[in-house]
PDB file of all heavy atoms in Angstrom:
ATOM      1  N   SER A   1     -10.419   0.015   4.299  1.00  0.00           N
ATOM      2  CA  SER A   1      -9.741   0.777   3.113  1.00  0.00           C
ATOM      3  C   SER A   1      -8.285   0.510   3.210  1.00  0.00           C
ATOM      4  O   SER A   1      -7.462   1.269   3.409  1.00  0.00           O
ATOM      5  CB  SER A   1     -10.031   2.271   3.304  1.00  0.00           C
ATOM      6  OG  SER A   1     -11.347   2.601   3.302  1.00  0.00           O
ATOM      7  N   VAL A   2      -7.956  -0.774   2.789  1.00  0.00           N
ATOM      8  CA  VAL A   2      -6.662  -1.309   2.876  1.00  0.00           C
ATOM      9  C   VAL A   2      -5.988  -1.292   1.378  1.00  0.00           C
ATOM     10  O   VAL A   2      -6.746  -1.063   0.349  1.00  0.00           O
ATOM     11  CB  VAL A   2      -6.682  -2.819   3.184  1.00  0.00           C
ATOM     12  CG1 VAL A   2      -7.546  -3.546   2.340  1.00  0.00           C
ATOM     13  CG2 VAL A   2      -5.322  -3.306   3.490  1.00  0.00           C
ATOM     14  N   SER A   3      -4.711  -1.167   1.383  1.00  0.00           N
ATOM     15  CA  SER A   3      -3.912  -1.051   0.083  1.00  0.00           C
ATOM     16  C   SER A   3      -2.979  -2.191   0.048  1.00  0.00           C
ATOM     17  O   SER A   3      -2.325  -2.533   1.226  1.00  0.00           O
ATOM     18  CB  SER A   3      -3.277   0.221  -0.076  1.00  0.00           C
ATOM     19  OG  SER A   3      -3.969   1.389   0.009  1.00  0.00           O
ATOM     20  N   PHE A   4      -2.693  -2.854  -1.111  1.00  0.00           N
ATOM     21  CA  PHE A   4      -1.695  -3.844  -1.373  1.00  0.00           C
ATOM     22  C   PHE A   4      -0.815  -3.423  -2.491  1.00  0.00           C
ATOM     23  O   PHE A   4      -1.386  -2.886  -3.525  1.00  0.00           O
ATOM     24  CB  PHE A   4      -2.543  -5.151  -1.662  1.00  0.00           C
ATOM     25  CG  PHE A   4      -3.376  -5.719  -0.618  1.00  0.00           C
ATOM     26  CD1 PHE A   4      -4.684  -5.405  -0.574  1.00  0.00           C
ATOM     27  CD2 PHE A   4      -2.873  -6.570   0.395  1.00  0.00           C
ATOM     28  CE1 PHE A   4      -5.529  -5.789   0.315  1.00  0.00           C
ATOM     29  CE2 PHE A   4      -3.703  -7.071   1.364  1.00  0.00           C
ATOM     30  CZ  PHE A   4      -4.992  -6.608   1.299  1.00  0.00           C
ATOM     31  N   ILE A   5       0.387  -3.803  -2.415  1.00  0.00           N
ATOM     32  CA  ILE A   5       1.365  -3.843  -3.458  1.00  0.00           C
ATOM     33  C   ILE A   5       1.611  -5.183  -3.815  1.00  0.00           C
ATOM     34  O   ILE A   5       2.148  -5.982  -2.988  1.00  0.00           O
ATOM     35  CB  ILE A   5       2.510  -2.946  -3.293  1.00  0.00           C
ATOM     36  CG1 ILE A   5       2.239  -1.483  -3.028  1.00  0.00           C
ATOM     37  CG2 ILE A   5       3.491  -3.072  -4.614  1.00  0.00           C
ATOM     38  CD1 ILE A   5       3.350  -0.621  -2.636  1.00  0.00           C
ATOM     39  N   VAL A   6       1.452  -5.569  -5.089  1.00  0.00           N
ATOM     40  CA  VAL A   6       1.720  -6.990  -5.506  1.00  0.00           C
ATOM     41  C   VAL A   6       2.867  -6.791  -6.564  1.00  0.00           C
ATOM     42  O   VAL A   6       2.906  -6.030  -7.458  1.00  0.00           O
ATOM     43  CB  VAL A   6       0.418  -7.498  -6.236  1.00  0.00           C
ATOM     44  CG1 VAL A   6       0.825  -8.928  -6.861  1.00  0.00           C
ATOM     45  CG2 VAL A   6      -0.764  -7.473  -5.329  1.00  0.00           C
ATOM     46  N   ASP A   7       3.860  -7.793  -6.439  1.00  0.00           N
ATOM     47  CA  ASP A   7       5.006  -7.788  -7.399  1.00  0.00           C
ATOM     48  C   ASP A   7       4.693  -8.392  -8.621  1.00  0.00           C
ATOM     49  O   ASP A   7       3.602  -8.927  -8.950  1.00  0.00           O
ATOM     50  CB  ASP A   7       6.227  -8.347  -6.649  1.00  0.00           C
ATOM     51  CG  ASP A   7       6.125  -9.927  -6.450  1.00  0.00           C
ATOM     52  OD1 ASP A   7       5.294 -10.536  -6.979  1.00  0.00           O
ATOM     53  OD2 ASP A   7       6.943 -10.379  -5.679  1.00  0.00           O
ATOM     54  N   LYS A   8       5.669  -8.379  -9.520  1.00  0.00           N
ATOM     55  CA  LYS A   8       5.446  -8.807 -10.963  1.00  0.00           C
ATOM     56  C   LYS A   8       5.094 -10.415 -11.010  1.00  0.00           C
ATOM     57  O   LYS A   8       4.639 -10.715 -11.945  1.00  0.00           O
ATOM     58  CB  LYS A   8       6.697  -8.605 -11.881  1.00  0.00           C
ATOM     59  CG  LYS A   8       7.001  -6.976 -11.976  1.00  0.00           C
ATOM     60  CD  LYS A   8       8.337  -6.827 -12.656  1.00  0.00           C
ATOM     61  CE  LYS A   8       8.621  -5.442 -12.840  1.00  0.00           C
ATOM     62  NZ  LYS A   8      10.057  -5.260 -13.544  1.00  0.00           N
ATOM     63  N   SER A   9       5.526 -11.083  -9.959  1.00  0.00           N
ATOM     64  CA  SER A   9       5.246 -12.479 -10.044  1.00  0.00           C
ATOM     65  C   SER A   9       3.843 -12.776  -9.351  1.00  0.00           C
ATOM     66  O   SER A   9       3.512 -13.946  -9.275  1.00  0.00           O
ATOM     67  CB  SER A   9       6.361 -13.305  -9.328  1.00  0.00           C
ATOM     68  OG  SER A   9       6.337 -13.005  -7.872  1.00  0.00           O
ATOM     69  N   GLY A  10       3.137 -11.826  -8.809  1.00  0.00           N
ATOM     70  CA  GLY A  10       1.853 -11.944  -8.272  1.00  0.00           C
ATOM     71  C   GLY A  10       1.726 -12.312  -6.810  1.00  0.00           C
ATOM     72  O   GLY A  10       0.835 -12.758  -6.300  1.00  0.00           O
ATOM     73  N   VAL A  11       2.817 -11.783  -6.145  1.00  0.00           N
ATOM     74  CA  VAL A  11       2.821 -12.027  -4.613  1.00  0.00           C
ATOM     75  C   VAL A  11       2.733 -10.713  -3.877  1.00  0.00           C
ATOM     76  O   VAL A  11       3.245  -9.658  -4.332  1.00  0.00           O
ATOM     77  CB  VAL A  11       4.284 -12.596  -4.266  1.00  0.00           C
ATOM     78  CG1 VAL A  11       4.579 -12.741  -2.758  1.00  0.00           C
ATOM     79  CG2 VAL A  11       4.337 -13.972  -4.986  1.00  0.00           C
ATOM     80  N   ILE A  12       1.957 -10.631  -2.811  1.00  0.00           N
ATOM     81  CA  ILE A  12       1.724  -9.518  -1.990  1.00  0.00           C
ATOM     82  C   ILE A  12       2.992  -9.180  -1.282  1.00  0.00           C
ATOM     83  O   ILE A  12       3.485  -9.972  -0.471  1.00  0.00           O
ATOM     84  CB  ILE A  12       0.540  -9.584  -1.007  1.00  0.00           C
ATOM     85  CG1 ILE A  12      -0.735 -10.018  -1.796  1.00  0.00           C
ATOM     86  CG2 ILE A  12       0.431  -8.520  -0.205  1.00  0.00           C
ATOM     87  CD1 ILE A  12      -1.940 -10.345  -0.853  1.00  0.00           C
ATOM     88  N   ARG A  13       3.583  -8.101  -1.595  1.00  0.00           N
ATOM     89  CA  ARG A  13       4.874  -7.555  -0.887  1.00  0.00           C
ATOM     90  C   ARG A  13       4.751  -6.474   0.044  1.00  0.00           C
ATOM     91  O   ARG A  13       5.709  -6.111   0.709  1.00  0.00           O
ATOM     92  CB  ARG A  13       5.852  -7.290  -2.055  1.00  0.00           C
ATOM     93  CG  ARG A  13       6.142  -8.359  -3.029  1.00  0.00           C
ATOM     94  CD  ARG A  13       7.038  -9.364  -2.404  1.00  0.00           C
ATOM     95  NE  ARG A  13       8.429  -8.698  -2.185  1.00  0.00           N
ATOM     96  CZ  ARG A  13       9.424  -8.657  -3.099  1.00  0.00           C
ATOM     97  NH1 ARG A  13       9.189  -9.239  -4.508  1.00  0.00           N
ATOM     98  NH2 ARG A  13      10.459  -8.171  -2.858  1.00  0.00           N
ATOM     99  N   TYR A  14       3.570  -5.778   0.046  1.00  0.00           N
ATOM    100  CA  TYR A  14       3.375  -4.605   0.914  1.00  0.00           C
ATOM    101  C   TYR A  14       1.949  -4.539   1.313  1.00  0.00           C
ATOM    102  O   TYR A  14       1.129  -4.666   0.419  1.00  0.00           O
ATOM    103  CB  TYR A  14       3.939  -3.381   0.330  1.00  0.00           C
ATOM    104  CG  TYR A  14       3.822  -2.141   1.125  1.00  0.00           C
ATOM    105  CD1 TYR A  14       4.844  -1.683   1.873  1.00  0.00           C
ATOM    106  CD2 TYR A  14       2.679  -1.415   0.974  1.00  0.00           C
ATOM    107  CE1 TYR A  14       4.540  -0.504   2.698  1.00  0.00           C
ATOM    108  CE2 TYR A  14       2.480  -0.249   1.764  1.00  0.00           C
ATOM    109  CZ  TYR A  14       3.646   0.181   2.607  1.00  0.00           C
ATOM    110  OH  TYR A  14       3.288   1.329   3.400  1.00  0.00           O
ATOM    111  N   VAL A  15       1.681  -4.223   2.540  1.00  0.00           N
ATOM    112  CA  VAL A  15       0.281  -3.881   2.909  1.00  0.00           C
ATOM    113  C   VAL A  15       0.190  -2.485   3.667  1.00  0.00           C
ATOM    114  O   VAL A  15       1.050  -2.319   4.573  1.00  0.00           O
ATOM    115  CB  VAL A  15      -0.265  -4.983   3.871  1.00  0.00           C
ATOM    116  CG1 VAL A  15      -1.577  -4.664   4.470  1.00  0.00           C
ATOM    117  CG2 VAL A  15      -0.236  -6.322   3.315  1.00  0.00           C
ATOM    118  N   HIS A  16      -0.650  -1.654   3.362  1.00  0.00           N
ATOM    119  CA  HIS A  16      -0.941  -0.517   4.120  1.00  0.00           C
ATOM    120  C   HIS A  16      -2.394  -0.734   4.759  1.00  0.00           C
ATOM    121  O   HIS A  16      -3.387  -0.671   3.834  1.00  0.00           O
ATOM    122  CB  HIS A  16      -0.988   0.766   3.244  1.00  0.00           C
ATOM    123  CG  HIS A  16      -1.124   2.114   4.058  1.00  0.00           C
ATOM    124  ND1 HIS A  16      -2.356   2.532   4.326  1.00  0.00           N
ATOM    125  CD2 HIS A  16      -0.108   2.801   4.578  1.00  0.00           C
ATOM    126  CE1 HIS A  16      -2.066   3.653   5.149  1.00  0.00           C
ATOM    127  NE2 HIS A  16      -0.929   3.867   5.294  1.00  0.00           N
ATOM    128  N   PRO A  17      -2.364  -1.008   5.971  1.00  0.00           N
ATOM    129  CA  PRO A  17      -3.678  -1.664   6.434  1.00  0.00           C
ATOM    130  C   PRO A  17      -4.899  -0.700   6.718  1.00  0.00           C
ATOM    131  O   PRO A  17      -5.886  -0.999   7.228  1.00  0.00           O
ATOM    132  CB  PRO A  17      -3.239  -2.130   7.836  1.00  0.00           C
ATOM    133  CG  PRO A  17      -2.084  -1.148   8.199  1.00  0.00           C
ATOM    134  CD  PRO A  17      -1.367  -0.871   6.930  1.00  0.00           C
ATOM    135  N   GLY A  18      -4.697   0.513   6.257  1.00  0.00           N
ATOM    136  CA  GLY A  18      -5.986   1.408   6.228  1.00  0.00           C
ATOM    137  C   GLY A  18      -5.502   2.784   6.680  1.00  0.00           C
ATOM    138  O   GLY A  18      -4.358   3.144   6.781  1.00  0.00           O
ATOM    139  N   GLY A  19      -6.498   3.724   6.689  1.00  0.00           N
ATOM    140  CA  GLY A  19      -6.243   5.061   7.009  1.00  0.00           C
ATOM    141  C   GLY A  19      -5.766   5.708   5.714  1.00  0.00           C
ATOM    142  O   GLY A  19      -6.116   5.273   4.625  1.00  0.00           O
ATOM    143  N   GLU A  20      -5.037   6.817   5.897  1.00  0.00           N
ATOM    144  CA  GLU A  20      -4.636   7.547   4.719  1.00  0.00           C
ATOM    145  C   GLU A  20      -3.078   7.691   4.532  1.00  0.00           C
ATOM    146  O   GLU A  20      -2.377   7.325   5.412  1.00  0.00           O
ATOM    147  CB  GLU A  20      -5.091   9.014   4.729  1.00  0.00           C
ATOM    148  CG  GLU A  20      -4.533   9.689   6.032  1.00  0.00           C
ATOM    149  CD  GLU A  20      -5.274  11.070   6.309  1.00  0.00           C
ATOM    150  OE1 GLU A  20      -4.927  12.108   5.728  1.00  0.00           O
ATOM    151  OE2 GLU A  20      -6.328  11.033   7.110  1.00  0.00           O
ATOM    152  N   PHE A  21      -2.766   7.810   3.256  1.00  0.00           N
ATOM    153  CA  PHE A  21      -1.352   8.177   3.072  1.00  0.00           C
ATOM    154  C   PHE A  21      -1.233   9.243   1.922  1.00  0.00           C
ATOM    155  O   PHE A  21      -2.286   9.185   1.023  1.00  0.00           O
ATOM    156  CB  PHE A  21      -0.540   6.929   2.532  1.00  0.00           C
ATOM    157  CG  PHE A  21      -1.062   6.174   1.395  1.00  0.00           C
ATOM    158  CD1 PHE A  21      -0.700   6.564   0.091  1.00  0.00           C
ATOM    159  CD2 PHE A  21      -1.932   5.027   1.577  1.00  0.00           C
ATOM    160  CE1 PHE A  21      -1.195   5.771  -0.989  1.00  0.00           C
ATOM    161  CE2 PHE A  21      -2.310   4.351   0.442  1.00  0.00           C
ATOM    162  CZ  PHE A  21      -1.925   4.739  -0.833  1.00  0.00           C
ATOM    163  N   HIS A  22      -0.389  10.129   1.994  1.00  0.00           N
ATOM    164  CA  HIS A  22      -0.386  11.152   1.027  1.00  0.00           C
ATOM    165  C   HIS A  22       1.052  11.840   1.023  1.00  0.00           C
ATOM    166  O   HIS A  22       1.783  11.699   1.843  1.00  0.00           O
ATOM    167  CB  HIS A  22      -1.474  12.180   1.124  1.00  0.00           C
ATOM    168  CG  HIS A  22      -1.655  12.580   2.570  1.00  0.00           C
ATOM    169  ND1 HIS A  22      -0.846  13.364   3.292  1.00  0.00           N
ATOM    170  CD2 HIS A  22      -2.678  12.173   3.365  1.00  0.00           C
ATOM    171  CE1 HIS A  22      -1.349  13.437   4.509  1.00  0.00           C
ATOM    172  NE2 HIS A  22      -2.551  12.813   4.569  1.00  0.00           N
ATOM    173  N   ASN A  23       1.251  12.731  -0.003  1.00  0.00           N
ATOM    174  CA  ASN A  23       2.510  13.348  -0.201  1.00  0.00           C
ATOM    175  C   ASN A  23       2.428  14.814   0.331  1.00  0.00           C
ATOM    176  O   ASN A  23       1.418  15.463   0.182  1.00  0.00           O
ATOM    177  CB  ASN A  23       2.961  13.299  -1.637  1.00  0.00           C
ATOM    178  CG  ASN A  23       4.329  13.848  -1.983  1.00  0.00           C
ATOM    179  OD1 ASN A  23       5.145  14.000  -1.063  1.00  0.00           O
ATOM    180  ND2 ASN A  23       4.436  14.147  -3.253  1.00  0.00           N
ATOM    181  N   ALA A  24       3.537  15.304   0.870  1.00  0.00           N
ATOM    182  CA  ALA A  24       3.725  16.891   1.087  1.00  0.00           C
ATOM    183  C   ALA A  24       2.686  17.467   2.114  1.00  0.00           C
ATOM    184  O   ALA A  24       2.385  18.611   1.963  1.00  0.00           O
ATOM    185  CB  ALA A  24       3.678  17.500  -0.285  1.00  0.00           C
ATOM    186  N   ARG A  25       2.323  16.633   3.032  1.00  0.00           N
ATOM    187  CA  ARG A  25       1.428  17.246   4.219  1.00  0.00           C
ATOM    188  C   ARG A  25       1.935  17.066   5.510  1.00  0.00           C
ATOM    189  O   ARG A  25       1.316  17.100   6.547  1.00  0.00           O
ATOM    190  CB  ARG A  25       0.043  16.681   4.018  1.00  0.00           C
ATOM    191  CG  ARG A  25      -0.740  17.177   2.794  1.00  0.00           C
ATOM    192  CD  ARG A  25      -2.065  16.656   2.675  1.00  0.00           C
ATOM    193  NE  ARG A  25      -2.939  16.879   3.918  1.00  0.00           N
ATOM    194  CZ  ARG A  25      -4.120  16.415   4.036  1.00  0.00           C
ATOM    195  NH1 ARG A  25      -4.606  15.544   3.153  1.00  0.00           N
ATOM    196  NH2 ARG A  25      -4.833  16.567   5.094  1.00  0.00           N
ATOM    197  N   ALA A  26       3.251  16.658   5.571  1.00  0.00           N
ATOM    198  CA  ALA A  26       3.858  16.216   6.896  1.00  0.00           C
ATOM    199  C   ALA A  26       3.930  17.356   7.840  1.00  0.00           C
ATOM    200  O   ALA A  26       3.777  17.276   8.936  1.00  0.00           O
ATOM    201  CB  ALA A  26       5.297  15.756   6.692  1.00  0.00           C
TER     202      ALA A  26
END
């Protein structure tokens, strides 16, 4: 369950390799 962020030129710039991410639960 991986996430990628791809920039405007089509290049992978960030990888979240799995697990969860979320806001306001720290």
